[in-house]
Amino acid sequence: MFMHEDDSQQPRGPGGGAFRSQSFNFHGSPNRSKDKMQDPPIEHDLYVSLEDIAKGCQKKMKISRKVLQPDGSTKKEDKVLTINVKPGWKAGTKITFQREGDQSRNKIPADIVFIIRDKPHPLFKREGSDIKYTAKVSLKQALCGCTIEVPTMAGKTLSLNYQNEIIKPNTVRRIQGYGLPLPKEPSRHGDLIVNFDIRFPDNLSQSAKDIIYDTLPN
């Protein structure tokens, strides 16, 4: 059994096809093969970008499997399985295609199971339906005030005003509605959670140290 993402796939919006934790049986009633043992499920991780999770997409996976012939022999054949990823699906969601594994005379083909995994993102990290973003600020900005530009999954940028606030290492800003769609209510969204990475200088001159020492409270 061999599988990979079909190179010819064209991402599309959600609709039809496989659903979360849903199985598909393309081989009729199981009663005819009730005396046969079934091979264990074949699991395959399917990495999906956060952008595709946000809007939903279609993935096509090509599998190569042994197919039973009328004379009892087997022949390698390719087949494309279509997975419709719904907006907001969580990592760990399983999509099962029943009996799509290698065929043989003495065993029931294995189920093919795709498990949704989050593809690493350069800016965001997922936490359920929330999106986490870490804004880097200098110690000067954290103490003296600044305006921070925060990207969003929707492509727009939000301005956070900290001109009159001190940003502390444990400061967290939660922006409602800028996360991923809720799996069961796609019209609703999680939040964008902004954490702060305060960058300290590697060194300071003695005069700068004296000014800070005289200025900051104990």
C-alpha atoms as a PDB file:
ATOM      1  CA  MET A   1       0.000   0.000   0.000  1.00  0.00           C
ATOM      2  CA  PHE A   2       1.406   3.381  -1.017  1.00  0.00           C
ATOM      3  CA  MET A   3      -0.190   6.795  -0.803  1.00  0.00           C
ATOM      4  CA  HIS A   4       0.646  10.445  -1.342  1.00  0.00           C
ATOM      5  CA  GLU A   5      -1.109  13.713  -1.999  1.00  0.00           C
ATOM      6  CA  ASP A   6      -2.295  13.854  -5.582  1.00  0.00           C
ATOM      7  CA  ASP A   7      -0.163  16.385  -7.469  1.00  0.00           C
ATOM      8  CA  SER A   8      -3.077  17.290  -9.738  1.00  0.00           C
ATOM      9  CA  GLN A   9      -5.400  18.377  -6.915  1.00  0.00           C
ATOM     10  CA  GLN A  10      -7.002  21.790  -7.023  1.00  0.00           C
ATOM     11  CA  PRO A  11      -8.029  23.201  -3.608  1.00  0.00           C
ATOM     12  CA  ARG A  12     -11.736  23.997  -3.408  1.00  0.00           C
ATOM     13  CA  GLY A  13     -14.247  25.085  -0.845  1.00  0.00           C
ATOM     14  CA  PRO A  14     -15.962  22.626   1.483  1.00  0.00           C
ATOM     15  CA  GLY A  15     -18.889  20.470   0.437  1.00  0.00           C
ATOM     16  CA  GLY A  16     -19.644  16.824  -0.250  1.00  0.00           C
ATOM     17  CA  GLY A  17     -17.215  13.951   0.162  1.00  0.00           C
ATOM     18  CA  ALA A  18     -15.676  12.755   3.414  1.00  0.00           C
ATOM     19  CA  PHE A  19     -16.774  14.085   6.776  1.00  0.00           C
ATOM     20  CA  ARG A  20     -15.065  14.115  10.145  1.00  0.00           C
ATOM     21  CA  SER A  21     -14.933  10.642  11.717  1.00  0.00           C
ATOM     22  CA  GLN A  22     -17.150   9.337   8.917  1.00  0.00           C
ATOM     23  CA  SER A  23     -16.535   6.031   7.157  1.00  0.00           C
ATOM     24  CA  PHE A  24     -17.196   5.068   3.565  1.00  0.00           C
ATOM     25  CA  ASN A  25     -17.848   1.518   2.392  1.00  0.00           C
ATOM     26  CA  PHE A  26     -17.418   0.911  -1.329  1.00  0.00           C
ATOM     27  CA  HIS A  27     -17.643  -2.868  -1.211  1.00  0.00           C
ATOM     28  CA  GLY A  28     -21.231  -3.669  -0.322  1.00  0.00           C
ATOM     29  CA  SER A  29     -22.506  -5.599   2.675  1.00  0.00           C
ATOM     30  CA  PRO A  30     -19.889  -7.000   5.071  1.00  0.00           C
ATOM     31  CA  ASN A  31     -21.978 -10.145   5.736  1.00  0.00           C
ATOM     32  CA  ARG A  32     -20.569 -11.991   2.761  1.00  0.00           C
ATOM     33  CA  SER A  33     -17.081 -11.843   4.269  1.00  0.00           C
ATOM     34  CA  LYS A  34     -18.014 -12.231   7.932  1.00  0.00           C
ATOM     35  CA  ASP A  35     -15.715 -15.233   8.340  1.00  0.00           C
ATOM     36  CA  LYS A  36     -12.659 -13.362   7.092  1.00  0.00           C
ATOM     37  CA  MET A  37     -10.263 -11.419   9.292  1.00  0.00           C
ATOM     38  CA  GLN A  38      -9.698  -7.760   8.448  1.00  0.00           C
ATOM     39  CA  ASP A  39      -6.254  -6.249   8.212  1.00  0.00           C
ATOM     40  CA  PRO A  40      -5.591  -3.489  10.789  1.00  0.00           C
ATOM     41  CA  PRO A  41      -6.321   0.113   9.720  1.00  0.00           C
ATOM     42  CA  ILE A  42      -3.652   1.954   7.768  1.00  0.00           C
ATOM     43  CA  GLU A  43      -3.238   5.447   9.229  1.00  0.00           C
ATOM     44  CA  HIS A  44      -1.764   8.360   7.348  1.00  0.00           C
ATOM     45  CA  ASP A  45      -1.111  11.869   8.697  1.00  0.00           C
ATOM     46  CA  LEU A  46      -2.564  14.621   6.520  1.00  0.00           C
ATOM     47  CA  TYR A  47      -0.902  17.977   7.190  1.00  0.00           C
ATOM     48  CA  VAL A  48      -3.157  20.961   6.512  1.00  0.00           C
ATOM     49  CA  SER A  49      -2.223  24.646   6.681  1.00  0.00           C
ATOM     50  CA  LEU A  50      -4.060  26.963   9.072  1.00  0.00           C
ATOM     51  CA  GLU A  51      -5.287  28.947   6.072  1.00  0.00           C
ATOM     52  CA  ASP A  52      -6.937  25.819   4.662  1.00  0.00           C
ATOM     53  CA  ILE A  53      -8.400  24.960   8.073  1.00  0.00           C
ATOM     54  CA  ALA A  54      -9.820  28.486   8.281  1.00  0.00           C
ATOM     55  CA  LYS A  55     -11.730  28.334   4.998  1.00  0.00           C
ATOM     56  CA  GLY A  56     -12.013  24.603   4.323  1.00  0.00           C
ATOM     57  CA  CYS A  57     -10.423  22.841   1.382  1.00  0.00           C
ATOM     58  CA  GLN A  58     -10.382  19.686  -0.682  1.00  0.00           C
ATOM     59  CA  LYS A  59      -7.471  17.255  -0.598  1.00  0.00           C
ATOM     60  CA  LYS A  60      -6.951  14.440  -3.059  1.00  0.00           C
ATOM     61  CA  MET A  61      -4.819  11.505  -1.913  1.00  0.00           C
ATOM     62  CA  LYS A  62      -3.585   8.955  -4.432  1.00  0.00           C
ATOM     63  CA  ILE A  63      -3.231   5.405  -3.127  1.00  0.00           C
ATOM     64  CA  SER A  64      -1.638   2.436  -4.851  1.00  0.00           C
ATOM     65  CA  ARG A  65      -3.068  -0.891  -3.742  1.00  0.00           C
ATOM     66  CA  LYS A  66      -3.432  -4.525  -4.766  1.00  0.00           C
ATOM     67  CA  VAL A  67      -6.814  -5.250  -6.377  1.00  0.00           C
ATOM     68  CA  LEU A  68      -8.192  -8.783  -6.605  1.00  0.00           C
ATOM     69  CA  GLN A  69      -8.739 -10.011 -10.160  1.00  0.00           C
ATOM     70  CA  PRO A  70     -11.402 -12.529 -11.364  1.00  0.00           C
ATOM     71  CA  ASP A  71      -8.775 -15.287 -11.653  1.00  0.00           C
ATOM     72  CA  GLY A  72      -7.722 -14.833  -8.011  1.00  0.00           C
ATOM     73  CA  SER A  73      -4.515 -12.941  -8.744  1.00  0.00           C
ATOM     74  CA  THR A  74      -3.901  -9.350  -7.649  1.00  0.00           C
ATOM     75  CA  LYS A  75      -2.916  -6.316  -9.662  1.00  0.00           C
ATOM     76  CA  LYS A  76      -1.527  -2.975  -8.521  1.00  0.00           C
ATOM     77  CA  GLU A  77      -3.931  -0.136  -9.244  1.00  0.00           C
ATOM     78  CA  ASP A  78      -4.018   3.561  -8.360  1.00  0.00           C
ATOM     79  CA  LYS A  79      -7.039   5.273  -6.871  1.00  0.00           C
ATOM     80  CA  VAL A  80      -7.644   8.863  -5.768  1.00  0.00           C
ATOM     81  CA  LEU A  81      -9.506   9.425  -2.497  1.00  0.00           C
ATOM     82  CA  THR A  82     -11.128  12.825  -1.992  1.00  0.00           C
ATOM     83  CA  ILE A  83     -11.173  14.440   1.448  1.00  0.00           C
ATOM     84  CA  ASN A  84     -13.280  17.543   2.025  1.00  0.00           C
ATOM     85  CA  VAL A  85     -11.716  19.321   4.993  1.00  0.00           C
ATOM     86  CA  LYS A  86     -14.363  21.361   6.802  1.00  0.00           C
ATOM     87  CA  PRO A  87     -13.639  24.821   8.272  1.00  0.00           C
ATOM     88  CA  GLY A  88     -12.314  24.600  11.808  1.00  0.00           C
ATOM     89  CA  TRP A  89     -11.545  20.878  11.879  1.00  0.00           C
ATOM     90  CA  LYS A  90      -9.266  20.135  14.815  1.00  0.00           C
ATOM     91  CA  ALA A  91      -5.955  18.318  14.711  1.00  0.00           C
ATOM     92  CA  GLY A  92      -6.585  14.635  15.335  1.00  0.00           C
ATOM     93  CA  THR A  93      -9.812  14.515  13.325  1.00  0.00           C
ATOM     94  CA  LYS A  94     -10.007  11.153  11.546  1.00  0.00           C
ATOM     95  CA  ILE A  95     -11.499  10.443   8.127  1.00  0.00           C
ATOM     96  CA  THR A  96     -11.972   6.740   7.355  1.00  0.00           C
ATOM     97  CA  PHE A  97     -12.395   5.079   3.961  1.00  0.00           C
ATOM     98  CA  GLN A  98     -13.557   1.533   4.609  1.00  0.00           C
ATOM     99  CA  ARG A  99     -11.825  -1.415   2.939  1.00  0.00           C
ATOM    100  CA  GLU A 100      -9.644   0.614   0.599  1.00  0.00           C
ATOM    101  CA  GLY A 101      -6.462  -1.297   1.480  1.00  0.00           C
ATOM    102  CA  ASP A 102      -4.871  -4.195  -0.383  1.00  0.00           C
ATOM    103  CA  GLN A 103      -7.338  -6.863  -1.490  1.00  0.00           C
ATOM    104  CA  SER A 104      -6.731 -10.591  -1.092  1.00  0.00           C
ATOM    105  CA  ARG A 105      -8.779 -13.781  -1.201  1.00  0.00           C
ATOM    106  CA  ASN A 106      -8.423 -14.598   2.492  1.00  0.00           C
ATOM    107  CA  LYS A 107      -8.672 -11.237   4.248  1.00  0.00           C
ATOM    108  CA  ILE A 108     -10.916  -8.195   4.359  1.00  0.00           C
ATOM    109  CA  PRO A 109      -9.040  -5.125   3.061  1.00  0.00           C
ATOM    110  CA  ALA A 110      -7.835  -2.680   5.692  1.00  0.00           C
ATOM    111  CA  ASP A 111      -9.564   0.643   6.280  1.00  0.00           C
ATOM    112  CA  ILE A 112      -7.606   3.713   5.188  1.00  0.00           C
ATOM    113  CA  VAL A 113      -7.613   6.399   7.888  1.00  0.00           C
ATOM    114  CA  PHE A 114      -6.409   9.967   7.380  1.00  0.00           C
ATOM    115  CA  ILE A 115      -5.607  11.983  10.509  1.00  0.00           C
ATOM    116  CA  ILE A 116      -5.685  15.779  10.282  1.00  0.00           C
ATOM    117  CA  ARG A 117      -2.456  17.415  11.501  1.00  0.00           C
ATOM    118  CA  ASP A 118      -1.581  21.104  11.716  1.00  0.00           C
ATOM    119  CA  LYS A 119       1.098  22.179   9.282  1.00  0.00           C
ATOM    120  CA  PRO A 120       3.617  24.445  11.095  1.00  0.00           C
ATOM    121  CA  HIS A 121       2.930  28.136  10.455  1.00  0.00           C
ATOM    122  CA  PRO A 122       5.585  30.894  10.411  1.00  0.00           C
ATOM    123  CA  LEU A 123       3.440  33.345  12.425  1.00  0.00           C
ATOM    124  CA  PHE A 124       0.658  31.560  14.265  1.00  0.00           C
ATOM    125  CA  LYS A 125       0.173  28.590  16.527  1.00  0.00           C
ATOM    126  CA  ARG A 126      -3.158  26.905  17.013  1.00  0.00           C
ATOM    127  CA  GLU A 127      -4.779  26.258  20.376  1.00  0.00           C
ATOM    128  CA  GLY A 128      -8.177  24.672  19.782  1.00  0.00           C
ATOM    129  CA  SER A 129     -10.145  27.257  17.810  1.00  0.00           C
ATOM    130  CA  ASP A 130      -7.916  30.086  19.056  1.00  0.00           C
ATOM    131  CA  ILE A 131      -4.850  31.379  17.233  1.00  0.00           C
ATOM    132  CA  LYS A 132      -1.763  32.463  19.192  1.00  0.00           C
ATOM    133  CA  TYR A 133       0.655  35.114  17.966  1.00  0.00           C
ATOM    134  CA  THR A 134       3.832  36.310  19.680  1.00  0.00           C
ATOM    135  CA  ALA A 135       4.712  39.978  19.135  1.00  0.00           C
ATOM    136  CA  LYS A 136       8.362  40.910  19.573  1.00  0.00           C
ATOM    137  CA  VAL A 137       8.984  44.241  21.313  1.00  0.00           C
ATOM    138  CA  SER A 138      12.138  45.874  22.625  1.00  0.00           C
ATOM    139  CA  LEU A 139      12.576  46.681  26.309  1.00  0.00           C
ATOM    140  CA  LYS A 140      12.375  50.357  25.367  1.00  0.00           C
ATOM    141  CA  GLN A 141       9.007  49.824  23.660  1.00  0.00           C
ATOM    142  CA  ALA A 142       7.725  47.743  26.560  1.00  0.00           C
ATOM    143  CA  LEU A 143       8.569  50.454  29.104  1.00  0.00           C
ATOM    144  CA  CYS A 144       7.991  53.649  27.139  1.00  0.00           C
ATOM    145  CA  GLY A 145       4.965  52.684  25.049  1.00  0.00           C
ATOM    146  CA  CYS A 146       4.416  51.717  21.428  1.00  0.00           C
ATOM    147  CA  THR A 147       1.877  50.712  18.802  1.00  0.00           C
ATOM    148  CA  ILE A 148       2.049  47.083  17.713  1.00  0.00           C
ATOM    149  CA  GLU A 149       0.904  45.822  14.323  1.00  0.00           C
ATOM    150  CA  VAL A 150      -0.606  42.343  14.598  1.00  0.00           C
ATOM    151  CA  PRO A 151      -1.348  40.188  11.511  1.00  0.00           C
ATOM    152  CA  THR A 152      -4.524  38.103  11.356  1.00  0.00           C
ATOM    153  CA  MET A 153      -5.639  34.941   9.578  1.00  0.00           C
ATOM    154  CA  ALA A 154      -8.025  37.090   7.528  1.00  0.00           C
ATOM    155  CA  GLY A 155      -5.074  38.954   6.015  1.00  0.00           C
ATOM    156  CA  LYS A 156      -5.729  42.306   7.666  1.00  0.00           C
ATOM    157  CA  THR A 157      -3.509  43.967  10.263  1.00  0.00           C
ATOM    158  CA  LEU A 158      -4.702  45.166  13.666  1.00  0.00           C
ATOM    159  CA  SER A 159      -3.060  48.026  15.568  1.00  0.00           C
ATOM    160  CA  LEU A 160      -2.708  47.583  19.321  1.00  0.00           C
ATOM    161  CA  ASN A 161      -2.097  50.811  21.226  1.00  0.00           C
ATOM    162  CA  TYR A 162       0.251  50.490  24.196  1.00  0.00           C
ATOM    163  CA  GLN A 163       1.380  54.121  24.263  1.00  0.00           C
ATOM    164  CA  ASN A 164       0.160  54.568  27.830  1.00  0.00           C
ATOM    165  CA  GLU A 165       0.716  51.041  29.108  1.00  0.00           C
ATOM    166  CA  ILE A 166       3.735  49.048  30.186  1.00  0.00           C
ATOM    167  CA  ILE A 167       4.031  45.680  28.501  1.00  0.00           C
ATOM    168  CA  LYS A 168       5.042  43.042  31.022  1.00  0.00           C
ATOM    169  CA  PRO A 169       6.343  39.521  30.290  1.00  0.00           C
ATOM    170  CA  ASN A 170       2.957  38.077  31.285  1.00  0.00           C
ATOM    171  CA  THR A 171       0.875  40.602  29.325  1.00  0.00           C
ATOM    172  CA  VAL A 172      -1.708  38.888  27.100  1.00  0.00           C
ATOM    173  CA  ARG A 173      -4.154  40.512  24.694  1.00  0.00           C
ATOM    174  CA  ARG A 174      -7.203  38.540  23.537  1.00  0.00           C
ATOM    175  CA  ILE A 175      -8.952  39.768  20.382  1.00  0.00           C
ATOM    176  CA  GLN A 176     -12.344  38.137  19.996  1.00  0.00           C
ATOM    177  CA  GLY A 177     -13.491  36.637  16.711  1.00  0.00           C
ATOM    178  CA  TYR A 178     -10.133  36.557  14.914  1.00  0.00           C
ATOM    179  CA  GLY A 179      -9.395  32.863  15.431  1.00  0.00           C
ATOM    180  CA  LEU A 180     -10.495  29.784  13.494  1.00  0.00           C
ATOM    181  CA  PRO A 181     -14.118  28.793  12.820  1.00  0.00           C
ATOM    182  CA  LEU A 182     -15.740  26.619  15.475  1.00  0.00           C
ATOM    183  CA  PRO A 183     -16.081  23.089  13.998  1.00  0.00           C
ATOM    184  CA  LYS A 184     -19.761  22.760  14.939  1.00  0.00           C
ATOM    185  CA  GLU A 185     -20.626  26.435  14.316  1.00  0.00           C
ATOM    186  CA  PRO A 186     -18.453  27.669  11.424  1.00  0.00           C
ATOM    187  CA  SER A 187     -20.153  31.073  11.508  1.00  0.00           C
ATOM    188  CA  ARG A 188     -18.547  31.672  14.900  1.00  0.00           C
ATOM    189  CA  HIS A 189     -14.805  32.025  15.449  1.00  0.00           C
ATOM    190  CA  GLY A 190     -12.290  31.594  18.219  1.00  0.00           C
ATOM    191  CA  ASP A 191      -9.997  34.390  19.368  1.00  0.00           C
ATOM    192  CA  LEU A 192      -6.591  35.749  18.428  1.00  0.00           C
ATOM    193  CA  ILE A 193      -4.346  35.627  21.491  1.00  0.00           C
ATOM    194  CA  VAL A 194      -1.342  37.960  21.468  1.00  0.00           C
ATOM    195  CA  ASN A 195       1.632  37.219  23.714  1.00  0.00           C
ATOM    196  CA  PHE A 196       4.736  39.377  23.976  1.00  0.00           C
ATOM    197  CA  ASP A 197       8.408  38.539  23.668  1.00  0.00           C
ATOM    198  CA  ILE A 198      10.320  41.393  25.293  1.00  0.00           C
ATOM    199  CA  ARG A 199      13.831  41.628  23.884  1.00  0.00           C
ATOM    200  CA  PHE A 200      16.463  42.845  26.308  1.00  0.00           C
ATOM    201  CA  PRO A 201      19.660  44.571  25.124  1.00  0.00           C
ATOM    202  CA  ASP A 202      22.857  42.530  25.199  1.00  0.00           C
ATOM    203  CA  ASN A 203      24.744  45.317  26.954  1.00  0.00           C
ATOM    204  CA  LEU A 204      24.353  48.881  28.269  1.00  0.00           C
ATOM    205  CA  SER A 205      26.793  51.719  28.719  1.00  0.00           C
ATOM    206  CA  GLN A 206      27.503  52.840  32.250  1.00  0.00           C
ATOM    207  CA  SER A 207      25.781  56.167  31.615  1.00  0.00           C
ATOM    208  CA  ALA A 208      22.624  54.354  30.446  1.00  0.00           C
ATOM    209  CA  LYS A 209      22.736  52.155  33.544  1.00  0.00           C
ATOM    210  CA  ASP A 210      23.040  55.219  35.755  1.00  0.00           C
ATOM    211  CA  ILE A 211      20.022  56.871  34.101  1.00  0.00           C
ATOM    212  CA  ILE A 212      17.915  53.719  34.450  1.00  0.00           C
ATOM    213  CA  TYR A 213      19.033  53.248  38.052  1.00  0.00           C
ATOM    214  CA  ASP A 214      18.081  56.811  38.947  1.00  0.00           C
ATOM    215  CA  THR A 215      14.797  56.732  36.996  1.00  0.00           C
ATOM    216  CA  LEU A 216      13.189  53.383  37.769  1.00  0.00           C
ATOM    217  CA  PRO A 217      11.592  52.726  41.157  1.00  0.00           C
ATOM    218  CA  ASN A 218      13.024  50.050  43.417  1.00  0.00           C
END
